[in-house]
Every structure is written in C-alpha cells, then in structure tokens.
C-alpha cells in the first residue's frame, strides 16, 4: 500500500484530523473500483466498503 499523498495529509490535518495511521486513512478514502493504475477494475487492496458496513451496523444498533 502506498503512502498517503502529502496534499491529502495536509488537508486532513487542516480539518483537525490526526493522521497517525496512514493505512487506515488510505482504506477509508479508497473507492472499491480504484485499482491503483488510473483505471477502474477489481482491486485486491482494501477499500472503504468494509468500514462503511461496520459504520452502518453501529448506526443500526444505536438507533434500534
């Protein structure tokens, strides 16, 4: 997995986010169709869908 883009890191820090775990931020900001070479295809790296599912479950439990 590549390092977080410096411009993205700067923007996140300007918004008040602590960037201590770059891998988590990359996963949270990566769309499932991104394959790392500029095209759309199936990808083996992590994307935000797992985190989205977890967040939906947490919200569902808190509302229930």
Protein backbone atom coordinates (compact mmCIF):
# COMPACT_ATOMS: atom_id res chain seq x y z
CA UNK A 1 0.00 0.00 0.00
CA UNK A 2 1.36 3.41 -0.90
CA UNK A 3 1.87 6.35 1.41
CA UNK A 4 -0.79 8.97 1.88
CA UNK A 5 -0.48 11.81 -0.63
CA UNK A 6 1.13 14.88 1.03
CA UNK A 7 -1.70 17.17 -0.17
CA UNK A 8 -4.29 14.80 1.31
CA UNK A 9 -2.39 14.59 4.60
CA UNK A 10 -2.16 18.39 4.73
CA UNK A 11 -5.90 18.75 4.05
CA UNK A 12 -6.83 16.19 6.72
CA UNK A 13 -4.63 17.92 9.29
CA UNK A 14 -6.12 21.32 8.34
CA UNK A 15 -9.56 19.84 9.07
CA UNK A 16 -8.36 18.83 12.55
CA UNK A 17 -7.86 15.10 11.95
CA UNK A 18 -4.86 13.30 13.43
CA UNK A 19 -3.08 11.28 10.76
CA UNK A 20 -1.38 8.64 12.88
CA UNK A 21 -2.32 5.52 10.88
CA UNK A 22 -1.88 6.19 7.16
CA UNK A 23 -3.09 2.71 6.18
CA UNK A 24 -6.45 3.34 7.88
CA UNK A 25 -6.86 6.69 6.10
CA UNK A 26 -5.95 5.18 2.73
CA UNK A 27 -8.50 2.41 3.28
CA UNK A 28 -11.17 4.91 4.34
CA UNK A 29 -10.59 7.13 1.30
CA UNK A 30 -10.19 4.46 -1.41
CA UNK A 31 -13.15 3.62 -3.65
CA UNK A 32 -13.68 -0.05 -4.47
CA UNK A 33 -13.25 0.47 -8.22
CA UNK A 34 -9.81 2.06 -7.90
CA UNK A 35 -7.03 -0.32 -8.97
CA UNK A 36 -4.07 1.99 -8.47
CA UNK A 37 -3.20 2.40 -12.15
CA UNK A 38 -5.72 5.06 -13.07
CA UNK A 39 -8.40 2.68 -14.36
CA UNK A 40 -11.49 1.05 -12.93
CA UNK A 41 -11.24 -2.67 -12.27
CA UNK A 42 -11.46 -5.22 -9.50
CA UNK A 43 -8.87 -4.48 -6.87
CA UNK A 44 -7.21 -6.63 -4.24
CA UNK A 45 -6.25 -3.76 -1.92
CA UNK A 46 -8.54 -2.61 0.85
CA UNK A 47 -11.23 -0.02 0.28
CA UNK A 48 -13.82 1.78 2.38
CA UNK A 49 -16.63 -0.78 1.91
CA UNK A 50 -15.64 -2.80 5.00
CA UNK A 51 -15.59 0.37 7.09
CA UNK A 52 -18.88 1.52 5.56
CA UNK A 53 -20.54 -1.78 6.51
CA UNK A 54 -19.19 -1.54 10.06
CA UNK A 55 -20.43 2.04 10.40
CA UNK A 56 -23.88 1.06 9.12
CA UNK A 57 -24.08 -1.74 11.68
CA UNK A 58 -23.04 0.57 14.53
CA UNK A 59 -25.64 3.15 13.49
CA UNK A 60 -28.28 0.42 13.19
CA UNK A 61 -27.55 -0.83 16.69
CA UNK A 62 -27.58 2.65 18.19
CA UNK A 63 -30.92 3.53 16.57
CA UNK A 64 -32.61 0.22 17.44
